[in-house]
C-alpha atoms as a PDB file:
ATOM      1  CA  MET A   1      13.633 101.995 -11.774  1.00  0.00           C
ATOM      2  CA  LEU A   2      16.832 100.735 -13.359  1.00  0.00           C
ATOM      3  CA  SER A   3      18.523 100.553  -9.961  1.00  0.00           C
ATOM      4  CA  GLY A   4      15.635  98.480  -8.607  1.00  0.00           C
ATOM      5  CA  PHE A   5      15.796  96.185 -11.585  1.00  0.00           C
ATOM      6  CA  ASP A   6      19.517  95.707 -11.111  1.00  0.00           C
ATOM      7  CA  SER A   7      19.010  94.891  -7.437  1.00  0.00           C
ATOM      8  CA  SER A   8      16.428  92.217  -8.250  1.00  0.00           C
ATOM      9  CA  LEU A   9      18.637  90.734 -10.924  1.00  0.00           C
ATOM     10  CA  ASP A  10      21.591  90.622  -8.594  1.00  0.00           C
ATOM     11  CA  SER A  11      19.507  88.860  -5.966  1.00  0.00           C
ATOM     12  CA  ARG A  12      18.311  86.237  -8.407  1.00  0.00           C
ATOM     13  CA  LEU A  13      21.831  85.808  -9.742  1.00  0.00           C
ATOM     14  CA  ARG A  14      23.156  85.210  -6.247  1.00  0.00           C
ATOM     15  CA  GLU A  15      20.463  82.638  -5.605  1.00  0.00           C
ATOM     16  CA  ALA A  16      21.226  80.958  -8.902  1.00  0.00           C
ATOM     17  CA  GLU A  17      24.938  80.912  -8.216  1.00  0.00           C
ATOM     18  CA  GLU A  18      24.347  79.491  -4.731  1.00  0.00           C
ATOM     19  CA  ALA A  19      22.105  76.816  -6.208  1.00  0.00           C
ATOM     20  CA  GLU A  20      24.743  76.101  -8.821  1.00  0.00           C
ATOM     21  CA  LYS A  21      27.360  75.675  -6.107  1.00  0.00           C
ATOM     22  CA  GLU A  22      24.991  73.364  -4.182  1.00  0.00           C
ATOM     23  CA  LEU A  23      24.406  71.288  -7.311  1.00  0.00           C
ATOM     24  CA  VAL A  24      28.132  71.052  -7.892  1.00  0.00           C
ATOM     25  CA  ARG A  25      28.564  69.950  -4.259  1.00  0.00           C
ATOM     26  CA  LEU A  26      25.700  67.411  -4.384  1.00  0.00           C
ATOM     27  CA  GLN A  27      26.476  66.041  -7.835  1.00  0.00           C
ATOM     28  CA  PRO A  28      29.026  63.450  -6.628  1.00  0.00           C
ATOM     29  CA  VAL A  29      26.655  62.403  -3.841  1.00  0.00           C
ATOM     30  CA  ALA A  30      23.738  62.098  -6.279  1.00  0.00           C
ATOM     31  CA  GLU A  31      25.857  60.016  -8.619  1.00  0.00           C
ATOM     32  CA  GLU A  32      26.449  57.562  -5.762  1.00  0.00           C
ATOM     33  CA  ALA A  33      22.702  56.954  -5.272  1.00  0.00           C
ATOM     34  CA  PRO A  34      22.313  54.116  -7.876  1.00  0.00           C
ATOM     35  CA  LYS A  35      25.415  52.385  -6.532  1.00  0.00           C
ATOM     36  CA  LEU A  36      24.240  52.757  -2.937  1.00  0.00           C
ATOM     37  CA  ARG A  37      20.769  51.430  -3.809  1.00  0.00           C
ATOM     38  CA  LEU A  38      22.338  48.386  -5.484  1.00  0.00           C
ATOM     39  CA  GLU A  39      24.625  47.815  -2.511  1.00  0.00           C
ATOM     40  CA  LYS A  40      21.700  48.082  -0.104  1.00  0.00           C
ATOM     41  CA  ALA A  41      19.706  45.558  -2.160  1.00  0.00           C
ATOM     42  CA  LYS A  42      22.678  43.177  -2.104  1.00  0.00           C
ATOM     43  CA  VAL A  43      23.022  43.509   1.666  1.00  0.00           C
ATOM     44  CA  GLN A  44      19.305  42.889   2.174  1.00  0.00           C
ATOM     45  CA  LYS A  45      19.414  39.886  -0.161  1.00  0.00           C
ATOM     46  CA  ARG A  46      22.440  38.509   1.665  1.00  0.00           C
ATOM     47  CA  GLN A  47      20.725  38.957   5.022  1.00  0.00           C
ATOM     48  CA  GLU A  48      17.545  37.279   3.759  1.00  0.00           C
ATOM     49  CA  ARG A  49      19.540  34.343   2.407  1.00  0.00           C
ATOM     50  CA  GLU A  50      21.490  34.017   5.634  1.00  0.00           C
ATOM     51  CA  HIS A  51      18.268  34.071   7.635  1.00  0.00           C
ATOM     52  CA  ALA A  52      16.665  31.463   5.358  1.00  0.00           C
ATOM     53  CA  LYS A  53      19.784  29.289   5.544  1.00  0.00           C
ATOM     54  CA  ASN A  54      19.982  29.496   9.333  1.00  0.00           C
ATOM     55  CA  SER A  55      16.275  28.700   9.691  1.00  0.00           C
ATOM     56  CA  ALA A  56      16.598  25.741   7.330  1.00  0.00           C
ATOM     57  CA  MET A  57      19.673  24.439   9.153  1.00  0.00           C
ATOM     58  CA  ARG A  58      17.822  24.571  12.470  1.00  0.00           C
ATOM     59  CA  ILE A  59      15.075  22.447  10.913  1.00  0.00           C
ATOM     60  CA  VAL A  60      17.687  20.093   9.441  1.00  0.00           C
ATOM     61  CA  GLU A  61      19.374  19.628  12.812  1.00  0.00           C
ATOM     62  CA  ARG A  62      16.062  19.106  14.613  1.00  0.00           C
ATOM     63  CA  SER A  63      14.779  16.661  11.992  1.00  0.00           C
ATOM     64  CA  MET A  64      18.042  14.721  11.793  1.00  0.00           C
ATOM     65  CA  HIS A  65      18.114  14.393  15.568  1.00  0.00           C
ATOM     66  CA  ALA A  66      14.509  13.173  15.621  1.00  0.00           C
ATOM     67  CA  ALA A  67      15.209  10.723  12.780  1.00  0.00           C
ATOM     68  CA  THR A  68      18.255   9.364  14.598  1.00  0.00           C
ATOM     69  CA  GLU A  69      16.217   8.820  17.748  1.00  0.00           C
ATOM     70  CA  LYS A  70      13.432   7.096  15.804  1.00  0.00           C
ATOM     71  CA  GLN A  71      15.917   4.889  13.958  1.00  0.00           C
ATOM     72  CA  THR A  72      17.114   3.400  17.233  1.00  0.00           C
ATOM     73  CA  ARG A  73      13.685   1.757  17.541  1.00  0.00           C
ATOM     74  CA  VAL A  74      13.850   0.143  14.100  1.00  0.00           C
ATOM     75  CA  PRO A  75      15.966  -2.945  14.971  1.00  0.00           C
ATOM     76  CA  ASP A  76      13.649  -4.045  17.789  1.00  0.00           C
ATOM     77  CA  LEU A  77      10.517  -3.252  15.796  1.00  0.00           C
ATOM     78  CA  LEU A  78      11.818  -5.102  12.744  1.00  0.00           C
ATOM     79  CA  GLU A  79      12.721  -8.091  14.881  1.00  0.00           C
ATOM     80  CA  SER A  80       9.245  -8.089  16.446  1.00  0.00           C
ATOM     81  CA  ALA A  81       7.565  -7.720  13.054  1.00  0.00           C
ATOM     82  CA  GLY A  82       9.758 -10.455  11.601  1.00  0.00           C
ATOM     83  CA  ARG A  83       8.901 -12.828  14.434  1.00  0.00           C
ATOM     84  CA  ALA A  84       5.200 -12.039  14.028  1.00  0.00           C
ATOM     85  CA  VAL A  85       5.332 -12.660  10.270  1.00  0.00           C
ATOM     86  CA  GLN A  86       7.330 -15.851  10.817  1.00  0.00           C
ATOM     87  CA  THR A  87       4.761 -17.058  13.334  1.00  0.00           C
ATOM     88  CA  LEU A  88       1.928 -16.203  10.948  1.00  0.00           C
ATOM     89  CA  TYR A  89       3.741 -18.004   8.130  1.00  0.00           C
ATOM     90  CA  THR A  90       4.218 -21.103  10.290  1.00  0.00           C
ATOM     91  CA  VAL A  91       0.554 -21.141  11.299  1.00  0.00           C
ATOM     92  CA  MET A  92      -0.586 -20.704   7.691  1.00  0.00           C
ATOM     93  CA  LYS A  93       1.778 -23.451   6.554  1.00  0.00           C
ATOM     94  CA  GLU A  94       0.474 -25.842   9.202  1.00  0.00           C
ATOM     95  CA  LEU A  95      -3.111 -24.834   8.489  1.00  0.00           C
ATOM     96  CA  ASP A  96      -2.607 -25.511   4.786  1.00  0.00           C
ATOM     97  CA  GLY A  97      -1.099 -28.888   5.632  1.00  0.00           C
ATOM     98  CA  TYR A  98      -4.078 -29.845   7.774  1.00  0.00           C
ATOM     99  CA  ARG A  99      -6.542 -28.737   5.107  1.00  0.00           C
ATOM    100  CA  ARG A 100      -4.598 -30.620   2.452  1.00  0.00           C
ATOM    101  CA  GLU A 101      -4.544 -33.731   4.641  1.00  0.00           C
ATOM    102  CA  ALA A 102      -8.269 -33.405   5.315  1.00  0.00           C
ATOM    103  CA  SER A 103      -8.954 -32.960   1.599  1.00  0.00           C
ATOM    104  CA  GLU A 104      -6.903 -36.016   0.671  1.00  0.00           C
ATOM    105  CA  SER A 105      -8.582 -38.153   3.331  1.00  0.00           C
ATOM    106  CA  MET A 106     -12.026 -36.874   2.380  1.00  0.00           C
ATOM    107  CA  ALA A 107     -11.238 -37.886  -1.202  1.00  0.00           C
ATOM    108  CA  ILE A 108     -10.718 -41.434   0.075  1.00  0.00           C
ATOM    109  CA  VAL A 109     -14.052 -41.271   1.896  1.00  0.00           C
ATOM    110  CA  ASP A 110     -15.735 -40.028  -1.263  1.00  0.00           C
ATOM    111  CA  ARG A 111     -14.070 -42.745  -3.334  1.00  0.00           C
ATOM    112  CA  VAL A 112     -15.297 -45.445  -0.955  1.00  0.00           C
ATOM    113  CA  ASP A 113     -18.822 -43.991  -1.041  1.00  0.00           C
ATOM    114  CA  TYR A 114     -18.659 -43.975  -4.832  1.00  0.00           C
ATOM    115  CA  GLU A 115     -17.566 -47.601  -5.035  1.00  0.00           C
ATOM    116  CA  ILE A 116     -20.311 -48.647  -2.615  1.00  0.00           C
ATOM    117  CA  GLU A 117     -22.923 -46.755  -4.632  1.00  0.00           C
ATOM    118  CA  VAL A 118     -21.704 -48.367  -7.839  1.00  0.00           C
ATOM    119  CA  GLU A 119     -21.765 -51.881  -6.365  1.00  0.00           C
ATOM    120  CA  GLU A 120     -25.173 -51.448  -4.775  1.00  0.00           C
ATOM    121  CA  GLY A 121     -26.514 -49.780  -7.900  1.00  0.00           C
ATOM    122  CA  GLU A 122     -25.257 -52.523 -10.179  1.00  0.00           C
ATOM    123  CA  GLU A 123     -26.740 -55.191  -7.906  1.00  0.00           C
ATOM    124  CA  HIS A 124     -30.046 -53.360  -7.955  1.00  0.00           C
ATOM    125  CA  GLU A 125     -30.013 -52.996 -11.736  1.00  0.00           C
ATOM    126  CA  ILE A 126     -29.168 -56.678 -12.188  1.00  0.00           C
ATOM    127  CA  SER A 127     -31.936 -57.674  -9.782  1.00  0.00           C
ATOM    128  CA  LEU A 128     -34.319 -55.782 -12.050  1.00  0.00           C
ATOM    129  CA  ASP A 129     -32.822 -57.538 -15.054  1.00  0.00           C
ATOM    130  CA  ARG A 130     -31.430 -54.263 -16.419  1.00  0.00           C
ATOM    131  CA  ASP A 131     -28.043 -53.536 -17.961  1.00  0.00           C
ATOM    132  CA  PRO A 132     -25.823 -51.886 -15.272  1.00  0.00           C
ATOM    133  CA  ARG A 133     -23.337 -50.572 -17.821  1.00  0.00           C
ATOM    134  CA  GLY A 134     -23.064 -46.803 -17.710  1.00  0.00           C
ATOM    135  CA  LEU A 135     -24.126 -46.629 -14.069  1.00  0.00           C
ATOM    136  CA  ALA A 136     -20.580 -46.055 -12.847  1.00  0.00           C
ATOM    137  CA  TYR A 137     -20.156 -43.138 -15.248  1.00  0.00           C
ATOM    138  CA  ALA A 138     -23.466 -41.597 -14.192  1.00  0.00           C
ATOM    139  CA  LEU A 139     -22.643 -41.851 -10.491  1.00  0.00           C
ATOM    140  CA  ALA A 140     -19.168 -40.372 -11.014  1.00  0.00           C
ATOM    141  CA  ALA A 141     -20.744 -36.977 -11.718  1.00  0.00           C
ATOM    142  CA  ARG A 142     -21.883 -36.847  -8.088  1.00  0.00           C
ATOM    143  CA  HIS A 143     -18.395 -37.443  -6.716  1.00  0.00           C
ATOM    144  CA  GLY A 144     -14.843 -36.151  -7.089  1.00  0.00           C
ATOM    145  CA  ASP A 145     -13.332 -32.764  -6.243  1.00  0.00           C
ATOM    146  CA  VAL A 146     -16.619 -30.878  -6.097  1.00  0.00           C
ATOM    147  CA  ARG A 147     -18.143 -33.410  -3.714  1.00  0.00           C
ATOM    148  CA  VAL A 148     -15.013 -33.385  -1.534  1.00  0.00           C
ATOM    149  CA  LYS A 149     -15.242 -29.604  -1.191  1.00  0.00           C
ATOM    150  CA  GLU A 150     -18.929 -29.843  -0.341  1.00  0.00           C
ATOM    151  CA  LEU A 151     -18.270 -32.434   2.361  1.00  0.00           C
ATOM    152  CA  LEU A 152     -15.500 -30.314   3.886  1.00  0.00           C
ATOM    153  CA  GLU A 153     -17.738 -27.247   3.786  1.00  0.00           C
ATOM    154  CA  GLU A 154     -20.469 -29.180   5.599  1.00  0.00           C
ATOM    155  CA  MET A 155     -17.990 -30.047   8.352  1.00  0.00           C
ATOM    156  CA  GLU A 156     -16.624 -26.486   8.684  1.00  0.00           C
ATOM    157  CA  PRO A 157     -19.031 -23.980   7.089  1.00  0.00           C
ATOM    158  CA  GLY A 158     -17.524 -20.722   5.888  1.00  0.00           C
ATOM    159  CA  PHE A 159     -13.904 -21.672   6.496  1.00  0.00           C
ATOM    160  CA  THR A 160     -11.207 -19.444   4.956  1.00  0.00           C
ATOM    161  CA  PHE A 161      -7.569 -18.845   5.812  1.00  0.00           C
ATOM    162  CA  LEU A 162      -8.359 -15.229   6.735  1.00  0.00           C
ATOM    163  CA  ARG A 163     -11.693 -15.699   8.478  1.00  0.00           C
ATOM    164  CA  GLY A 164     -12.132 -13.098  11.216  1.00  0.00           C
ATOM    165  CA  CYS A 165      -9.176 -11.009  10.015  1.00  0.00           C
ATOM    166  CA  ASP A 166      -9.360  -7.225   9.704  1.00  0.00           C
ATOM    167  CA  LEU A 167      -8.383  -6.505   6.102  1.00  0.00           C
ATOM    168  CA  SER A 168      -9.679  -2.936   6.021  1.00  0.00           C
ATOM    169  CA  GLU A 169      -6.143  -1.520   6.053  1.00  0.00           C
ATOM    170  CA  PRO A 170      -4.060  -1.880   2.857  1.00  0.00           C
ATOM    171  CA  LEU A 171      -0.972  -2.780   4.903  1.00  0.00           C
ATOM    172  CA  TYR A 172      -2.827  -5.648   6.591  1.00  0.00           C
ATOM    173  CA  ARG A 173      -3.915  -6.945   3.198  1.00  0.00           C
ATOM    174  CA  ASP A 174      -0.363  -6.699   1.870  1.00  0.00           C
ATOM    175  CA  VAL A 175       1.033  -8.654   4.827  1.00  0.00           C
ATOM    176  CA  ALA A 176      -1.671 -11.314   4.526  1.00  0.00           C
ATOM    177  CA  LYS A 177      -1.075 -11.631   0.789  1.00  0.00           C
ATOM    178  CA  PHE A 178       2.701 -11.854   1.254  1.00  0.00           C
ATOM    179  CA  VAL A 179       2.419 -14.615   3.856  1.00  0.00           C
ATOM    180  CA  LEU A 180      -0.158 -16.594   1.875  1.00  0.00           C
ATOM    181  CA  GLN A 181       1.965 -16.389  -1.274  1.00  0.00           C
ATOM    182  CA  HIS A 182       4.867 -17.990   0.586  1.00  0.00           C
ATOM    183  CA  ALA A 183       2.963 -20.387   2.831  1.00  0.00           C
ATOM    184  CA  ILE A 184       0.375 -22.085   0.628  1.00  0.00           C
ATOM    185  CA  ASN A 185       0.324 -23.559  -2.854  1.00  0.00           C
ATOM    186  CA  THR A 186      -2.643 -21.693  -4.306  1.00  0.00           C
ATOM    187  CA  PRO A 187      -3.056 -19.735  -7.580  1.00  0.00           C
ATOM    188  CA  GLU A 188      -2.233 -16.039  -7.336  1.00  0.00           C
ATOM    189  CA  GLY A 189      -5.740 -15.051  -8.395  1.00  0.00           C
ATOM    190  CA  GLU A 190      -7.319 -16.928  -5.496  1.00  0.00           C
ATOM    191  CA  ILE A 191      -4.902 -15.398  -2.989  1.00  0.00           C
ATOM    192  CA  ALA A 192      -5.661 -11.920  -4.335  1.00  0.00           C
ATOM    193  CA  ALA A 193      -9.373 -12.620  -3.995  1.00  0.00           C
ATOM    194  CA  MET A 194      -8.912 -13.804  -0.404  1.00  0.00           C
ATOM    195  CA  THR A 195      -7.147 -10.601   0.602  1.00  0.00           C
ATOM    196  CA  GLU A 196      -9.479  -8.321  -1.366  1.00  0.00           C
ATOM    197  CA  ASN A 197     -12.643 -10.159  -0.259  1.00  0.00           C
ATOM    198  CA  GLN A 198     -13.723 -10.759  -3.853  1.00  0.00           C
ATOM    199  CA  PRO A 199     -15.552 -13.751  -5.347  1.00  0.00           C
ATOM    200  CA  VAL A 200     -13.272 -16.606  -6.362  1.00  0.00           C
ATOM    201  CA  THR A 201     -13.876 -19.093  -9.144  1.00  0.00           C
ATOM    202  CA  THR A 202     -12.578 -22.638  -8.728  1.00  0.00           C
ATOM    203  CA  ASN A 203     -13.590 -25.628 -10.824  1.00  0.00           C
ATOM    204  CA  GLY A 204     -16.073 -23.387 -12.605  1.00  0.00           C
ATOM    205  CA  ARG A 205     -17.832 -22.498  -9.338  1.00  0.00           C
ATOM    206  CA  THR A 206     -17.903 -18.997  -7.882  1.00  0.00           C
ATOM    207  CA  GLN A 207     -17.500 -18.619  -4.140  1.00  0.00           C
ATOM    208  CA  SER A 208     -16.991 -15.659  -1.842  1.00  0.00           C
ATOM    209  CA  SER A 209     -13.553 -15.377  -0.287  1.00  0.00           C
ATOM    210  CA  SER A 210     -15.300 -14.857   3.046  1.00  0.00           C
ATOM    211  CA  GLY A 211     -17.320 -18.033   2.529  1.00  0.00           C
ATOM    212  CA  PRO A 212     -16.228 -21.635   1.819  1.00  0.00           C
ATOM    213  CA  ALA A 213     -12.585 -22.548   1.696  1.00  0.00           C
ATOM    214  CA  VAL A 214     -11.907 -21.874  -1.954  1.00  0.00           C
ATOM    215  CA  GLN A 215      -8.175 -22.188  -1.447  1.00  0.00           C
ATOM    216  CA  GLU A 216      -8.125 -25.960  -0.952  1.00  0.00           C
ATOM    217  CA  LEU A 217      -5.838 -27.773  -3.324  1.00  0.00           C
ATOM    218  CA  GLU A 218      -7.028 -30.031  -6.064  1.00  0.00           C
ATOM    219  CA  GLU A 219      -6.464 -33.741  -5.707  1.00  0.00           C
END
């Protein structure tokens, strides 16, 4: 029994000693594991960064090339746009001049009509043996700027500087507003209303910007 016990003990001791030797052999390798894991993580991180950098640089090169190609079109497009805006400005300037001229001449027509009405009215009042004083003042309310605008509207109903224009796009409205601001002598509020298609108030009267020509200048 004792011999058997000794044999078993010896066997276990040998196994233990072999395991101890293996641990001693593997200990340095095991101690390297944290360092190796850290090094592997660094390599992976470096590779990921390099991949991200290379991918980004490819996009940069492609985008810069595309931008350079597009930029070559800018000079011609800007020149075309500038000519178009200049032409629009010239037309608006001339249009404003014609409307101003028409307004000034219509004011003369209205003044003549007023004087005729006053003379005929005074003659009529005198023929009836009535005092004609105050008649001129009463008739004046029917003439002047408001009457001039009404007469012009009768000749060209619904006239506006932007009649028939597509102002649905903000850029179109901005261009129209820019040109009008430089081409015509009209209050900023009226120009904004023209381009935004909002009601405009002039001389205490509200008009739609798509209706009568609210932008005419005062005498």
